[in-house]
Amino acid sequence: PAPEKICRTCGVALKEGKIHCASCAGAEASKRMIEIARLGRVATHTP
C-alpha cells in the first residue's frame, strides 16, 4: 500500500498529486515567488 500523502507544511492528509493543502499552498507560493524574485535580482546584476 502506498504511503499516505501529507502536506509538507502542516502534515494534513492530501489527495494524490498535491504537495500542500489549500491553506498552505498560498503561503508557500508567496515564499517561492519571493525567492525567485531574489534570484532574479541577483541574476540581473552579473557581469
PDB file of all heavy atoms in Angstrom:
ATOM      1  N   PRO A   1       0.827  -1.218   0.000  1.00  0.00           N
ATOM      2  CA  PRO A   1       0.000   0.000   0.000  1.00  0.00           C
ATOM      3  C   PRO A   1       0.853   1.255   0.000  1.00  0.00           C
ATOM      4  O   PRO A   1       1.862   1.342   0.700  1.00  0.00           O
ATOM      5  CB  PRO A   1      -0.807  -0.131   1.303  1.00  0.00           C
ATOM      6  CG  PRO A   1      -0.831  -1.596   1.596  1.00  0.00           C
ATOM      7  CD  PRO A   1       0.485  -2.130   1.104  1.00  0.00           C
ATOM      8  N   ALA A   2       0.450   2.210  -0.813  1.00  0.00           N
ATOM      9  CA  ALA A   2       1.216   3.452  -0.929  1.00  0.00           C
ATOM     10  C   ALA A   2       1.126   4.247   0.363  1.00  0.00           C
ATOM     11  O   ALA A   2       0.101   4.225   1.058  1.00  0.00           O
ATOM     12  CB  ALA A   2       0.679   4.289  -2.093  1.00  0.00           C
ATOM     13  N   PRO A   3       2.190   4.945   0.740  1.00  0.00           N
ATOM     14  CA  PRO A   3       2.147   5.761   1.957  1.00  0.00           C
ATOM     15  C   PRO A   3       1.175   6.917   1.813  1.00  0.00           C
ATOM     16  O   PRO A   3       0.893   7.391   0.705  1.00  0.00           O
ATOM     17  CB  PRO A   3       3.592   6.263   2.104  1.00  0.00           C
ATOM     18  CG  PRO A   3       4.164   6.178   0.734  1.00  0.00           C
ATOM     19  CD  PRO A   3       3.499   5.006   0.070  1.00  0.00           C
ATOM     20  N   GLU A   4       0.659   7.359   2.922  1.00  0.00           N
ATOM     21  CA  GLU A   4      -0.284   8.470   2.932  1.00  0.00           C
ATOM     22  C   GLU A   4       0.425   9.758   2.530  1.00  0.00           C
ATOM     23  O   GLU A   4       1.503  10.076   3.016  1.00  0.00           O
ATOM     24  CB  GLU A   4      -0.867   8.622   4.341  1.00  0.00           C
ATOM     25  CG  GLU A   4      -1.840   9.775   4.498  1.00  0.00           C
ATOM     26  CD  GLU A   4      -2.306   9.947   5.922  1.00  0.00           C
ATOM     27  OE1 GLU A   4      -1.693   9.320   6.817  1.00  0.00           O
ATOM     28  OE2 GLU A   4      -3.268  10.689   6.147  1.00  0.00           O
ATOM     29  N   LYS A   5      -0.192  10.508   1.612  1.00  0.00           N
ATOM     30  CA  LYS A   5       0.367  11.802   1.212  1.00  0.00           C
ATOM     31  C   LYS A   5      -0.067  12.853   2.225  1.00  0.00           C
ATOM     32  O   LYS A   5      -1.251  12.950   2.561  1.00  0.00           O
ATOM     33  CB  LYS A   5      -0.104  12.193  -0.191  1.00  0.00           C
ATOM     34  CG  LYS A   5       0.527  11.364  -1.303  1.00  0.00           C
ATOM     35  CD  LYS A   5       0.132  11.892  -2.671  1.00  0.00           C
ATOM     36  CE  LYS A   5       0.706  13.276  -2.953  1.00  0.00           C
ATOM     37  NZ  LYS A   5       2.174  13.265  -3.076  1.00  0.00           N
ATOM     38  N   ILE A   6       0.893  13.620   2.704  1.00  0.00           N
ATOM     39  CA  ILE A   6       0.587  14.655   3.678  1.00  0.00           C
ATOM     40  C   ILE A   6       1.201  15.970   3.239  1.00  0.00           C
ATOM     41  O   ILE A   6       2.156  16.004   2.457  1.00  0.00           O
ATOM     42  CB  ILE A   6       1.104  14.284   5.084  1.00  0.00           C
ATOM     43  CG1 ILE A   6       2.632  14.135   5.082  1.00  0.00           C
ATOM     44  CG2 ILE A   6       0.437  13.006   5.586  1.00  0.00           C
ATOM     45  CD1 ILE A   6       3.213  13.906   6.469  1.00  0.00           C
ATOM     46  N   CYS A   7       0.634  17.058   3.729  1.00  0.00           N
ATOM     47  CA  CYS A   7       1.120  18.400   3.404  1.00  0.00           C
ATOM     48  C   CYS A   7       2.528  18.580   3.969  1.00  0.00           C
ATOM     49  O   CYS A   7       2.796  18.224   5.121  1.00  0.00           O
ATOM     50  CB  CYS A   7       0.171  19.445   3.981  1.00  0.00           C
ATOM     51  SG  CYS A   7       0.721  21.155   3.748  1.00  0.00           S
ATOM     52  N   ARG A   8       3.406  19.134   3.182  1.00  0.00           N
ATOM     53  CA  ARG A   8       4.789  19.315   3.603  1.00  0.00           C
ATOM     54  C   ARG A   8       4.963  20.451   4.614  1.00  0.00           C
ATOM     55  O   ARG A   8       6.055  20.639   5.145  1.00  0.00           O
ATOM     56  CB  ARG A   8       5.684  19.561   2.384  1.00  0.00           C
ATOM     57  CG  ARG A   8       5.746  18.369   1.438  1.00  0.00           C
ATOM     58  CD  ARG A   8       6.625  18.642   0.231  1.00  0.00           C
ATOM     59  NE  ARG A   8       6.636  17.512  -0.673  1.00  0.00           N
ATOM     60  CZ  ARG A   8       7.441  16.471  -0.590  1.00  0.00           C
ATOM     61  NH1 ARG A   8       8.322  16.437   0.387  1.00  0.00           N
ATOM     62  NH2 ARG A   8       7.374  15.483  -1.452  1.00  0.00           N
ATOM     63  N   THR A   9       3.883  21.192   4.847  1.00  0.00           N
ATOM     64  CA  THR A   9       3.970  22.278   5.819  1.00  0.00           C
ATOM     65  C   THR A   9       3.273  21.940   7.124  1.00  0.00           C
ATOM     66  O   THR A   9       3.869  21.992   8.200  1.00  0.00           O
ATOM     67  CB  THR A   9       3.361  23.569   5.238  1.00  0.00           C
ATOM     68  OG1 THR A   9       4.099  23.949   4.069  1.00  0.00           O
ATOM     69  CG2 THR A   9       3.422  24.705   6.249  1.00  0.00           C
ATOM     70  N   CYS A  10       1.996  21.532   7.033  1.00  0.00           N
ATOM     71  CA  CYS A  10       1.226  21.290   8.259  1.00  0.00           C
ATOM     72  C   CYS A  10       0.996  19.818   8.547  1.00  0.00           C
ATOM     73  O   CYS A  10       0.609  19.463   9.658  1.00  0.00           O
ATOM     74  CB  CYS A  10      -0.112  22.022   8.196  1.00  0.00           C
ATOM     75  SG  CYS A  10      -1.233  21.392   6.921  1.00  0.00           S
ATOM     76  N   GLY A  11       1.190  18.926   7.552  1.00  0.00           N
ATOM     77  CA  GLY A  11       1.052  17.497   7.777  1.00  0.00           C
ATOM     78  C   GLY A  11      -0.346  16.945   7.597  1.00  0.00           C
ATOM     79  O   GLY A  11      -0.576  15.767   7.856  1.00  0.00           O
ATOM     80  N   VAL A  12      -1.314  17.750   7.129  1.00  0.00           N
ATOM     81  CA  VAL A  12      -2.670  17.245   6.937  1.00  0.00           C
ATOM     82  C   VAL A  12      -2.694  16.307   5.731  1.00  0.00           C
ATOM     83  O   VAL A  12      -1.892  16.434   4.808  1.00  0.00           O
ATOM     84  CB  VAL A  12      -3.652  18.425   6.738  1.00  0.00           C
ATOM     85  CG1 VAL A  12      -3.411  19.119   5.394  1.00  0.00           C
ATOM     86  CG2 VAL A  12      -5.098  17.973   6.829  1.00  0.00           C
ATOM     87  N   ALA A  13      -3.603  15.323   5.749  1.00  0.00           N
ATOM     88  CA  ALA A  13      -3.699  14.360   4.659  1.00  0.00           C
ATOM     89  C   ALA A  13      -4.116  15.054   3.365  1.00  0.00           C
ATOM     90  O   ALA A  13      -4.933  15.989   3.373  1.00  0.00           O
ATOM     91  CB  ALA A  13      -4.690  13.260   5.015  1.00  0.00           C
ATOM     92  N   LEU A  14      -3.535  14.597   2.244  1.00  0.00           N
ATOM     93  CA  LEU A  14      -3.790  15.212   0.943  1.00  0.00           C
ATOM     94  C   LEU A  14      -4.314  14.189  -0.043  1.00  0.00           C
ATOM     95  O   LEU A  14      -4.152  12.976   0.130  1.00  0.00           O
ATOM     96  CB  LEU A  14      -2.500  15.812   0.370  1.00  0.00           C
ATOM     97  CG  LEU A  14      -1.821  16.936   1.138  1.00  0.00           C
ATOM     98  CD1 LEU A  14      -0.516  17.295   0.472  1.00  0.00           C
ATOM     99  CD2 LEU A  14      -2.735  18.157   1.207  1.00  0.00           C
ATOM    100  N   LYS A  15      -4.903  14.689  -1.115  1.00  0.00           N
ATOM    101  CA  LYS A  15      -5.263  13.847  -2.238  1.00  0.00           C
ATOM    102  C   LYS A  15      -4.039  13.651  -3.125  1.00  0.00           C
ATOM    103  O   LYS A  15      -3.061  14.387  -3.038  1.00  0.00           O
ATOM    104  CB  LYS A  15      -6.388  14.498  -3.054  1.00  0.00           C
ATOM    105  CG  LYS A  15      -7.704  14.605  -2.306  1.00  0.00           C
ATOM    106  CD  LYS A  15      -8.772  15.224  -3.181  1.00  0.00           C
ATOM    107  CE  LYS A  15     -10.102  15.312  -2.435  1.00  0.00           C
ATOM    108  NZ  LYS A  15     -11.162  15.923  -3.275  1.00  0.00           N
ATOM    109  N   GLU A  16      -4.101  12.644  -3.990  1.00  0.00           N
ATOM    110  CA  GLU A  16      -2.970  12.336  -4.871  1.00  0.00           C
ATOM    111  C   GLU A  16      -2.663  13.524  -5.774  1.00  0.00           C
ATOM    112  O   GLU A  16      -3.562  14.199  -6.269  1.00  0.00           O
ATOM    113  CB  GLU A  16      -3.319  11.110  -5.724  1.00  0.00           C
ATOM    114  CG  GLU A  16      -2.133  10.493  -6.435  1.00  0.00           C
ATOM    115  CD  GLU A  16      -1.109   9.909  -5.477  1.00  0.00           C
ATOM    116  OE1 GLU A  16      -1.515   9.449  -4.389  1.00  0.00           O
ATOM    117  OE2 GLU A  16       0.086   9.918  -5.820  1.00  0.00           O
ATOM    118  N   GLY A  17      -1.389  13.779  -5.987  1.00  0.00           N
ATOM    119  CA  GLY A  17      -0.972  14.848  -6.884  1.00  0.00           C
ATOM    120  C   GLY A  17      -0.720  16.178  -6.204  1.00  0.00           C
ATOM    121  O   GLY A  17      -0.284  17.125  -6.854  1.00  0.00           O
ATOM    122  N   LYS A  18      -1.000  16.291  -4.918  1.00  0.00           N
ATOM    123  CA  LYS A  18      -0.788  17.536  -4.178  1.00  0.00           C
ATOM    124  C   LYS A  18       0.422  17.392  -3.265  1.00  0.00           C
ATOM    125  O   LYS A  18       0.761  16.300  -2.817  1.00  0.00           O
ATOM    126  CB  LYS A  18      -2.017  17.861  -3.330  1.00  0.00           C
ATOM    127  CG  LYS A  18      -3.326  17.947  -4.104  1.00  0.00           C
ATOM    128  CD  LYS A  18      -3.427  19.231  -4.884  1.00  0.00           C
ATOM    129  CE  LYS A  18      -4.805  19.363  -5.509  1.00  0.00           C
ATOM    130  NZ  LYS A  18      -4.944  20.615  -6.284  1.00  0.00           N
ATOM    131  N   ILE A  19       1.079  18.510  -3.001  1.00  0.00           N
ATOM    132  CA  ILE A  19       2.168  18.509  -2.018  1.00  0.00           C
ATOM    133  C   ILE A  19       1.884  19.481  -0.871  1.00  0.00           C
ATOM    134  O   ILE A  19       2.564  19.433   0.150  1.00  0.00           O
ATOM    135  CB  ILE A  19       3.521  18.858  -2.670  1.00  0.00           C
ATOM    136  CG1 ILE A  19       3.497  20.253  -3.291  1.00  0.00           C
ATOM    137  CG2 ILE A  19       3.897  17.817  -3.712  1.00  0.00           C
ATOM    138  CD1 ILE A  19       4.845  20.707  -3.794  1.00  0.00           C
ATOM    139  N   HIS A  20       0.865  20.354  -1.048  1.00  0.00           N
ATOM    140  CA  HIS A  20       0.464  21.271   0.014  1.00  0.00           C
ATOM    141  C   HIS A  20      -1.051  21.325   0.065  1.00  0.00           C
ATOM    142  O   HIS A  20      -1.725  21.193  -0.957  1.00  0.00           O
ATOM    143  CB  HIS A  20       1.020  22.684  -0.222  1.00  0.00           C
ATOM    144  CG  HIS A  20       2.504  22.791  -0.111  1.00  0.00           C
ATOM    145  ND1 HIS A  20       3.175  22.701   1.086  1.00  0.00           N
ATOM    146  CD2 HIS A  20       3.464  22.971  -1.051  1.00  0.00           C
ATOM    147  CE1 HIS A  20       4.479  22.823   0.883  1.00  0.00           C
ATOM    148  NE2 HIS A  20       4.681  22.986  -0.412  1.00  0.00           N
ATOM    149  N   CYS A  21      -1.588  21.526   1.255  1.00  0.00           N
ATOM    150  CA  CYS A  21      -3.027  21.684   1.394  1.00  0.00           C
ATOM    151  C   CYS A  21      -3.423  23.079   0.919  1.00  0.00           C
ATOM    152  O   CYS A  21      -2.565  23.946   0.679  1.00  0.00           O
ATOM    153  CB  CYS A  21      -3.441  21.472   2.847  1.00  0.00           C
ATOM    154  SG  CYS A  21      -2.779  22.698   3.996  1.00  0.00           S
ATOM    155  N   ALA A  22      -4.723  23.308   0.801  1.00  0.00           N
ATOM    156  CA  ALA A  22      -5.207  24.581   0.266  1.00  0.00           C
ATOM    157  C   ALA A  22      -4.773  25.759   1.129  1.00  0.00           C
ATOM    158  O   ALA A  22      -4.425  26.832   0.615  1.00  0.00           O
ATOM    159  CB  ALA A  22      -6.730  24.538   0.150  1.00  0.00           C
ATOM    160  N   SER A  23      -4.786  25.584   2.457  1.00  0.00           N
ATOM    161  CA  SER A  23      -4.434  26.699   3.342  1.00  0.00           C
ATOM    162  C   SER A  23      -2.948  27.026   3.305  1.00  0.00           C
ATOM    163  O   SER A  23      -2.558  28.166   3.568  1.00  0.00           O
ATOM    164  CB  SER A  23      -4.861  26.373   4.777  1.00  0.00           C
ATOM    165  OG  SER A  23      -4.214  25.201   5.230  1.00  0.00           O
ATOM    166  N   CYS A  24      -2.103  26.029   3.009  1.00  0.00           N
ATOM    167  CA  CYS A  24      -0.654  26.266   2.989  1.00  0.00           C
ATOM    168  C   CYS A  24      -0.129  26.618   1.600  1.00  0.00           C
ATOM    169  O   CYS A  24       0.973  27.150   1.470  1.00  0.00           O
ATOM    170  CB  CYS A  24       0.088  25.042   3.507  1.00  0.00           C
ATOM    171  SG  CYS A  24      -0.269  24.618   5.225  1.00  0.00           S
ATOM    172  N   ALA A  25      -0.900  26.274   0.552  1.00  0.00           N
ATOM    173  CA  ALA A  25      -0.401  26.458  -0.813  1.00  0.00           C
ATOM    174  C   ALA A  25      -0.121  27.927  -1.118  1.00  0.00           C
ATOM    175  O   ALA A  25       0.896  28.267  -1.737  1.00  0.00           O
ATOM    176  CB  ALA A  25      -1.405  25.892  -1.811  1.00  0.00           C
ATOM    177  N   GLY A  26      -1.020  28.833  -0.670  1.00  0.00           N
ATOM    178  CA  GLY A  26      -0.817  30.258  -0.951  1.00  0.00           C
ATOM    179  C   GLY A  26       0.438  30.802  -0.312  1.00  0.00           C
ATOM    180  O   GLY A  26       1.219  31.519  -0.942  1.00  0.00           O
ATOM    181  N   ALA A  27       0.634  30.454   0.963  1.00  0.00           N
ATOM    182  CA  ALA A  27       1.819  30.946   1.663  1.00  0.00           C
ATOM    183  C   ALA A  27       3.091  30.399   1.037  1.00  0.00           C
ATOM    184  O   ALA A  27       4.095  31.123   0.892  1.00  0.00           O
ATOM    185  CB  ALA A  27       1.752  30.552   3.140  1.00  0.00           C
ATOM    186  N   GLU A  28       3.075  29.115   0.638  1.00  0.00           N
ATOM    187  CA  GLU A  28       4.255  28.531   0.013  1.00  0.00           C
ATOM    188  C   GLU A  28       4.534  29.171  -1.333  1.00  0.00           C
ATOM    189  O   GLU A  28       5.685  29.398  -1.698  1.00  0.00           O
ATOM    190  CB  GLU A  28       4.066  27.022  -0.152  1.00  0.00           C
ATOM    191  CG  GLU A  28       4.119  26.246   1.147  1.00  0.00           C
ATOM    192  CD  GLU A  28       5.459  26.387   1.844  1.00  0.00           C
ATOM    193  OE1 GLU A  28       6.498  26.345   1.147  1.00  0.00           O
ATOM    194  OE2 GLU A  28       5.480  26.552   3.072  1.00  0.00           O
ATOM    195  N   ALA A  29       3.457  29.468  -2.088  1.00  0.00           N
ATOM    196  CA  ALA A  29       3.643  30.124  -3.392  1.00  0.00           C
ATOM    197  C   ALA A  29       4.263  31.505  -3.218  1.00  0.00           C
ATOM    198  O   ALA A  29       5.134  31.918  -3.998  1.00  0.00           O
ATOM    199  CB  ALA A  29       2.303  30.219  -4.117  1.00  0.00           C
ATOM    200  N   SER A  30       3.813  32.236  -2.193  1.00  0.00           N
ATOM    201  CA  SER A  30       4.386  33.567  -1.936  1.00  0.00           C
ATOM    202  C   SER A  30       5.869  33.465  -1.587  1.00  0.00           C
ATOM    203  O   SER A  30       6.686  34.260  -2.071  1.00  0.00           O
ATOM    204  CB  SER A  30       3.624  34.241  -0.788  1.00  0.00           C
ATOM    205  OG  SER A  30       2.276  34.438  -1.133  1.00  0.00           O
ATOM    206  N   LYS A  31       6.216  32.461  -0.768  1.00  0.00           N
ATOM    207  CA  LYS A  31       7.625  32.284  -0.413  1.00  0.00           C
ATOM    208  C   LYS A  31       8.462  31.957  -1.651  1.00  0.00           C
ATOM    209  O   LYS A  31       9.576  32.465  -1.807  1.00  0.00           O
ATOM    210  CB  LYS A  31       7.765  31.172   0.620  1.00  0.00           C
ATOM    211  CG  LYS A  31       7.198  31.516   1.980  1.00  0.00           C
ATOM    212  CD  LYS A  31       7.360  30.338   2.940  1.00  0.00           C
ATOM    213  CE  LYS A  31       6.752  30.647   4.296  1.00  0.00           C
ATOM    214  NZ  LYS A  31       6.868  29.495   5.220  1.00  0.00           N
ATOM    215  N   ARG A  32       7.911  31.108  -2.513  1.00  0.00           N
ATOM    216  CA  ARG A  32       8.656  30.755  -3.726  1.00  0.00           C
ATOM    217  C   ARG A  32       8.838  31.959  -4.626  1.00  0.00           C
ATOM    218  O   ARG A  32       9.906  32.148  -5.222  1.00  0.00           O
ATOM    219  CB  ARG A  32       7.936  29.636  -4.476  1.00  0.00           C
ATOM    220  CG  ARG A  32       8.026  28.271  -3.801  1.00  0.00           C
ATOM    221  CD  ARG A  32       7.651  27.171  -4.764  1.00  0.00           C
ATOM    222  NE  ARG A  32       6.289  27.315  -5.248  1.00  0.00           N
ATOM    223  CZ  ARG A  32       5.216  26.802  -4.653  1.00  0.00           C
ATOM    224  NH1 ARG A  32       5.353  26.134  -3.528  1.00  0.00           N
ATOM    225  NH2 ARG A  32       4.015  26.973  -5.166  1.00  0.00           N
ATOM    226  N   MET A  33       7.797  32.788  -4.751  1.00  0.00           N
ATOM    227  CA  MET A  33       7.900  33.969  -5.608  1.00  0.00           C
ATOM    228  C   MET A  33       8.939  34.944  -5.060  1.00  0.00           C
ATOM    229  O   MET A  33       9.690  35.561  -5.829  1.00  0.00           O
ATOM    230  CB  MET A  33       6.532  34.656  -5.715  1.00  0.00           C
ATOM    231  CG  MET A  33       5.524  33.888  -6.547  1.00  0.00           C
ATOM    232  SD  MET A  33       6.093  33.607  -8.248  1.00  0.00           S
ATOM    233  CE  MET A  33       6.219  35.296  -8.832  1.00  0.00           C
ATOM    234  N   ILE A  34       8.988  35.087  -3.729  1.00  0.00           N
ATOM    235  CA  ILE A  34       9.988  35.972  -3.127  1.00  0.00           C
ATOM    236  C   ILE A  34      11.389  35.451  -3.414  1.00  0.00           C
ATOM    237  O   ILE A  34      12.303  36.215  -3.759  1.00  0.00           O
ATOM    238  CB  ILE A  34       9.741  36.091  -1.606  1.00  0.00           C
ATOM    239  CG1 ILE A  34       8.440  36.842  -1.349  1.00  0.00           C
ATOM    240  CG2 ILE A  34      10.915  36.781  -0.920  1.00  0.00           C
ATOM    241  CD1 ILE A  34       8.024  36.866   0.108  1.00  0.00           C
ATOM    242  N   GLU A  35      11.574  34.137  -3.290  1.00  0.00           N
ATOM    243  CA  GLU A  35      12.888  33.558  -3.546  1.00  0.00           C
ATOM    244  C   GLU A  35      13.252  33.680  -5.025  1.00  0.00           C
ATOM    245  O   GLU A  35      14.399  33.987  -5.375  1.00  0.00           O
ATOM    246  CB  GLU A  35      12.891  32.084  -3.121  1.00  0.00           C
ATOM    247  CG  GLU A  35      14.201  31.354  -3.366  1.00  0.00           C
ATOM    248  CD  GLU A  35      15.371  31.943  -2.613  1.00  0.00           C
ATOM    249  OE1 GLU A  35      15.128  32.702  -1.632  1.00  0.00           O
ATOM    250  OE2 GLU A  35      16.521  31.653  -2.988  1.00  0.00           O
ATOM    251  N   ILE A  36      12.274  33.456  -5.904  1.00  0.00           N
ATOM    252  CA  ILE A  36      12.532  33.588  -7.343  1.00  0.00           C
ATOM    253  C   ILE A  36      12.895  35.029  -7.686  1.00  0.00           C
ATOM    254  O   ILE A  36      13.802  35.288  -8.489  1.00  0.00           O
ATOM    255  CB  ILE A  36      11.300  33.121  -8.143  1.00  0.00           C
ATOM    256  CG1 ILE A  36      11.130  31.599  -8.011  1.00  0.00           C
ATOM    257  CG2 ILE A  36      11.431  33.503  -9.616  1.00  0.00           C
ATOM    258  CD1 ILE A  36       9.844  31.075  -8.599  1.00  0.00           C
ATOM    259  N   ALA A  37      12.174  35.984  -7.073  1.00  0.00           N
ATOM    260  CA  ALA A  37      12.486  37.393  -7.327  1.00  0.00           C
ATOM    261  C   ALA A  37      13.896  37.735  -6.849  1.00  0.00           C
ATOM    262  O   ALA A  37      14.627  38.479  -7.521  1.00  0.00           O
ATOM    263  CB  ALA A  37      11.462  38.281  -6.630  1.00  0.00           C
ATOM    264  N   ARG A  38      14.272  37.195  -5.698  1.00  0.00           N
ATOM    265  CA  ARG A  38      15.627  37.447  -5.195  1.00  0.00           C
ATOM    266  C   ARG A  38      16.669  36.894  -6.147  1.00  0.00           C
ATOM    267  O   ARG A  38      17.664  37.567  -6.469  1.00  0.00           O
ATOM    268  CB  ARG A  38      15.790  36.798  -3.813  1.00  0.00           C
ATOM    269  CG  ARG A  38      17.122  37.103  -3.150  1.00  0.00           C
ATOM    270  CD  ARG A  38      17.306  36.276  -1.893  1.00  0.00           C
ATOM    271  NE  ARG A  38      17.462  34.870  -2.207  1.00  0.00           N
ATOM    272  CZ  ARG A  38      18.610  34.313  -2.622  1.00  0.00           C
ATOM    273  NH1 ARG A  38      19.692  35.070  -2.777  1.00  0.00           N
ATOM    274  NH2 ARG A  38      18.675  33.032  -2.881  1.00  0.00           N
ATOM    275  N   LEU A  39      16.446  35.676  -6.633  1.00  0.00           N
ATOM    276  CA  LEU A  39      17.390  35.093  -7.577  1.00  0.00           C
ATOM    277  C   LEU A  39      17.424  35.894  -8.875  1.00  0.00           C
ATOM    278  O   LEU A  39      18.483  36.030  -9.503  1.00  0.00           O
ATOM    279  CB  LEU A  39      16.996  33.627  -7.860  1.00  0.00           C
ATOM    280  CG  LEU A  39      17.099  32.668  -6.668  1.00  0.00           C
ATOM    281  CD1 LEU A  39      16.568  31.295  -7.063  1.00  0.00           C
ATOM    282  CD2 LEU A  39      18.538  32.559  -6.192  1.00  0.00           C
ATOM    283  N   GLY A  40      16.245  36.400  -9.257  1.00  0.00           N
ATOM    284  CA  GLY A  40      16.203  37.215 -10.475  1.00  0.00           C
ATOM    285  C   GLY A  40      17.012  38.495 -10.330  1.00  0.00           C
ATOM    286  O   GLY A  40      17.721  38.894 -11.261  1.00  0.00           O
ATOM    287  N   ARG A  41      16.906  39.130  -9.155  1.00  0.00           N
ATOM    288  CA  ARG A  41      17.686  40.359  -8.936  1.00  0.00           C
ATOM    289  C   ARG A  41      19.184  40.070  -8.953  1.00  0.00           C
ATOM    290  O   ARG A  41      19.975  40.858  -9.476  1.00  0.00           O
ATOM    291  CB  ARG A  41      17.272  40.992  -7.605  1.00  0.00           C
ATOM    292  CG  ARG A  41      15.900  41.636  -7.630  1.00  0.00           C
ATOM    293  CD  ARG A  41      15.668  42.482  -6.400  1.00  0.00           C
ATOM    294  NE  ARG A  41      15.642  41.680  -5.192  1.00  0.00           N
ATOM    295  CZ  ARG A  41      14.550  41.109  -4.692  1.00  0.00           C
ATOM    296  NH1 ARG A  41      13.396  41.237  -5.310  1.00  0.00           N
ATOM    297  NH2 ARG A  41      14.612  40.420  -3.577  1.00  0.00           N
ATOM    298  N   VAL A  42      19.567  38.939  -8.387  1.00  0.00           N
ATOM    299  CA  VAL A  42      20.976  38.569  -8.399  1.00  0.00           C
ATOM    300  C   VAL A  42      21.442  38.326  -9.830  1.00  0.00           C
ATOM    301  O   VAL A  42      22.527  38.767 -10.246  1.00  0.00           O
ATOM    302  CB  VAL A  42      21.207  37.313  -7.532  1.00  0.00           C
ATOM    303  CG1 VAL A  42      22.629  36.790  -7.713  1.00  0.00           C
ATOM    304  CG2 VAL A  42      20.944  37.635  -6.065  1.00  0.00           C
ATOM    305  N   ALA A  43      20.605  37.612 -10.605  1.00  0.00           N
ATOM    306  CA  ALA A  43      20.994  37.272 -11.978  1.00  0.00           C
ATOM    307  C   ALA A  43      21.131  38.507 -12.855  1.00  0.00           C
ATOM    308  O   ALA A  43      21.949  38.543 -13.779  1.00  0.00           O
ATOM    309  CB  ALA A  43      19.980  36.306 -12.571  1.00  0.00           C
ATOM    310  N   THR A  44      20.334  39.558 -12.590  1.00  0.00           N
ATOM    311  CA  THR A  44      20.379  40.750 -13.443  1.00  0.00           C
ATOM    312  C   THR A  44      21.558  41.663 -13.133  1.00  0.00           C
ATOM    313  O   THR A  44      21.744  42.673 -13.822  1.00  0.00           O
ATOM    314  CB  THR A  44      19.075  41.553 -13.302  1.00  0.00           C
ATOM    315  OG1 THR A  44      18.877  41.891 -11.926  1.00  0.00           O
ATOM    316  CG2 THR A  44      17.891  40.739 -13.803  1.00  0.00           C
ATOM    317  N   HIS A  45      22.341  41.346 -12.108  1.00  0.00           N
ATOM    318  CA  HIS A  45      23.489  42.193 -11.773  1.00  0.00           C
ATOM    319  C   HIS A  45      24.818  41.469 -11.968  1.00  0.00           C
ATOM    320  O   HIS A  45      25.846  41.916 -11.457  1.00  0.00           O
ATOM    321  CB  HIS A  45      23.373  42.694 -10.335  1.00  0.00           C
ATOM    322  CG  HIS A  45      22.306  43.739 -10.152  1.00  0.00           C
ATOM    323  ND1 HIS A  45      20.977  43.410  -9.996  1.00  0.00           N
ATOM    324  CD2 HIS A  45      22.365  45.097 -10.129  1.00  0.00           C
ATOM    325  CE1 HIS A  45      20.263  44.523  -9.863  1.00  0.00           C
ATOM    326  NE2 HIS A  45      21.083  45.571  -9.939  1.00  0.00           N
ATOM    327  N   THR A  46      24.809  40.393 -12.697  1.00  0.00           N
ATOM    328  CA  THR A  46      26.056  39.714 -13.026  1.00  0.00           C
ATOM    329  C   THR A  46      26.771  40.471 -14.134  1.00  0.00           C
ATOM    330  O   THR A  46      26.148  41.259 -14.872  1.00  0.00           O
ATOM    331  CB  THR A  46      25.770  38.276 -13.486  1.00  0.00           C
ATOM    332  OG1 THR A  46      24.953  38.311 -14.669  1.00  0.00           O
ATOM    333  CG2 THR A  46      25.057  37.476 -12.392  1.00  0.00           C
ATOM    334  N   PRO A  47      28.087  40.289 -14.297  1.00  0.00           N
ATOM    335  CA  PRO A  47      28.807  40.967 -15.389  1.00  0.00           C
ATOM    336  C   PRO A  47      28.215  40.644 -16.760  1.00  0.00           C
ATOM    337  O   PRO A  47      28.183  41.518 -17.642  1.00  0.00           O
ATOM    338  CB  PRO A  47      30.232  40.414 -15.248  1.00  0.00           C
ATOM    339  CG  PRO A  47      30.351  40.034 -13.806  1.00  0.00           C
ATOM    340  CD  PRO A  47      28.997  39.543 -13.400  1.00  0.00           C
TER     341      PRO A  47
END
